[in-house]
């Protein structure tokens, strides 16, 4: 069991490296890892997507359009802090899903704090 978890985590690290090289399929694969049964893989995938910055934006925007992993994706968009994501996030403030709506409000707060710091 431990070998399977280690292998999954290592695969996630490999996808991160591919994302840094511009691989869109690596970003999609990392997005899929957000649904992993392994908490470590989920955490690594989220961290690597955020660290991918603008390279991750297309896949995160596609996930938003599909309403996939909404609270997580909204939070990651805020963490990436691309100003153009504000309108996309704001659309979810009054979402019928209370978790998505709360995540959108918190994400907008994060974006505003980053803007006021000059980030």
Protein backbone atom coordinates (compact mmCIF):
# COMPACT_ATOMS: atom_id res chain seq x y z
CA UNK A 1 0.00 0.00 0.00
CA UNK A 2 2.79 2.44 0.87
CA UNK A 3 4.50 1.74 -2.46
CA UNK A 4 1.28 2.59 -4.32
CA UNK A 5 0.98 5.89 -2.44
CA UNK A 6 4.62 6.75 -3.06
CA UNK A 7 4.23 5.89 -6.75
CA UNK A 8 1.15 8.12 -7.04
CA UNK A 9 2.94 11.00 -5.33
CA UNK A 10 5.98 10.60 -7.58
CA UNK A 11 3.76 10.57 -10.66
CA UNK A 12 2.21 13.84 -9.45
CA UNK A 13 5.69 15.37 -9.13
CA UNK A 14 6.42 14.28 -12.71
CA UNK A 15 3.23 15.96 -13.93
CA UNK A 16 4.33 19.14 -12.17
CA UNK A 17 7.61 19.12 -14.08
CA UNK A 18 5.74 18.60 -17.35
CA UNK A 19 3.40 21.49 -16.50
CA UNK A 20 6.38 23.78 -15.94
CA UNK A 21 7.49 22.85 -19.45
CA UNK A 22 4.09 23.92 -20.78
CA UNK A 23 2.21 20.61 -21.00
CA UNK A 24 -1.54 21.13 -21.10
CA UNK A 25 -2.13 17.41 -20.65
CA UNK A 26 -0.10 17.52 -17.43
CA UNK A 27 -2.36 20.31 -16.14
CA UNK A 28 -5.44 18.23 -17.01
CA UNK A 29 -3.92 15.22 -15.30
CA UNK A 30 -3.15 17.26 -12.18
CA UNK A 31 -6.74 18.49 -12.20
CA UNK A 32 -7.88 14.86 -12.29
CA UNK A 33 -5.58 14.15 -9.34
CA UNK A 34 -7.69 16.54 -7.26
CA UNK A 35 -10.21 13.68 -7.12
CA UNK A 36 -7.67 11.12 -5.92
CA UNK A 37 -8.45 8.90 -2.94
CA UNK A 38 -5.00 9.80 -1.63
CA UNK A 39 -5.01 13.04 0.36
CA UNK A 40 -1.30 13.61 -0.35
CA UNK A 41 -1.85 13.34 -4.10
CA UNK A 42 -4.78 15.80 -3.88
CA UNK A 43 -2.67 18.28 -1.88
CA UNK A 44 0.31 17.98 -4.23
CA UNK A 45 -1.87 18.36 -7.32
CA UNK A 46 -3.46 21.54 -5.97
CA UNK A 47 -0.13 22.96 -4.94
CA UNK A 48 1.44 22.22 -8.31
CA UNK A 49 -1.49 23.70 -10.24
CA UNK A 50 -1.19 26.92 -8.24
CA UNK A 51 2.58 26.97 -8.68
CA UNK A 52 1.96 26.51 -12.41
CA UNK A 53 0.42 29.98 -12.35
CA UNK A 54 -0.78 31.20 -15.72
CA UNK A 55 0.04 27.84 -17.32
CA UNK A 56 -2.72 26.32 -15.17
CA UNK A 57 -5.36 28.95 -15.95
CA UNK A 58 -6.81 27.33 -19.11
CA UNK A 59 -7.48 24.00 -17.42
CA UNK A 60 -8.84 25.68 -14.28
CA UNK A 61 -11.18 27.81 -16.38
CA UNK A 62 -12.40 24.70 -18.21
CA UNK A 63 -13.04 23.03 -14.84
CA UNK A 64 -15.02 26.09 -13.75
CA UNK A 65 -17.16 25.90 -16.88
CA UNK A 66 -17.85 22.22 -16.14
CA UNK A 67 -18.49 23.01 -12.44
CA UNK A 68 -15.78 20.51 -11.60
CA UNK A 69 -14.18 20.74 -8.14
CA UNK A 70 -15.76 24.20 -7.77
CA UNK A 71 -14.66 25.24 -4.27
CA UNK A 72 -11.13 23.99 -4.87
CA UNK A 73 -10.81 25.53 -8.33
CA UNK A 74 -12.16 28.89 -7.16
CA UNK A 75 -9.63 28.92 -4.33
CA UNK A 76 -6.79 28.02 -6.69
CA UNK A 77 -7.75 30.80 -9.10
CA UNK A 78 -7.51 33.26 -6.22
CA UNK A 79 -4.16 31.84 -5.14
CA UNK A 80 -2.78 32.27 -8.66
CA UNK A 81 -3.92 35.91 -8.36
CA UNK A 82 -4.47 36.65 -12.04
CA UNK A 83 -6.56 39.85 -12.04
CA UNK A 84 -8.60 38.66 -15.02
CA UNK A 85 -9.96 35.79 -12.91
CA UNK A 86 -11.95 38.19 -10.73
CA UNK A 87 -14.99 38.30 -13.05
CA UNK A 88 -14.97 34.53 -13.41
CA UNK A 89 -14.89 34.03 -9.66
CA UNK A 90 -17.53 36.72 -9.04
CA UNK A 91 -20.07 34.78 -11.13
CA UNK A 92 -20.17 32.17 -8.36
CA UNK A 93 -20.80 34.49 -5.39
CA UNK A 94 -24.55 33.82 -5.53
CA UNK A 95 -24.25 30.20 -6.67
CA UNK A 96 -26.99 27.85 -5.44
CA UNK A 97 -24.27 25.53 -4.08
CA UNK A 98 -23.43 27.13 -0.71
CA UNK A 99 -19.89 25.70 -0.72
CA UNK A 100 -19.17 27.19 -4.14
CA UNK A 101 -20.68 30.55 -3.15
CA UNK A 102 -18.61 30.68 0.05
CA UNK A 103 -15.45 29.68 -1.82
CA UNK A 104 -16.12 32.45 -4.37
CA UNK A 105 -16.54 35.07 -1.65
CA UNK A 106 -13.34 33.97 0.05
CA UNK A 107 -11.50 33.88 -3.28
CA UNK A 108 -12.55 37.45 -4.04
CA UNK A 109 -11.27 38.50 -0.61
CA UNK A 110 -7.91 36.87 -1.37
CA UNK A 111 -7.72 38.63 -4.75
CA UNK A 112 -8.52 41.97 -3.12
CA UNK A 113 -5.85 41.48 -0.43
CA UNK A 114 -3.31 40.61 -3.13
CA UNK A 115 -4.29 43.70 -5.14
CA UNK A 116 -4.03 46.00 -2.14
CA UNK A 117 -0.54 44.64 -1.43
CA UNK A 118 0.46 45.48 -4.97
CA UNK A 119 0.81 41.83 -6.04
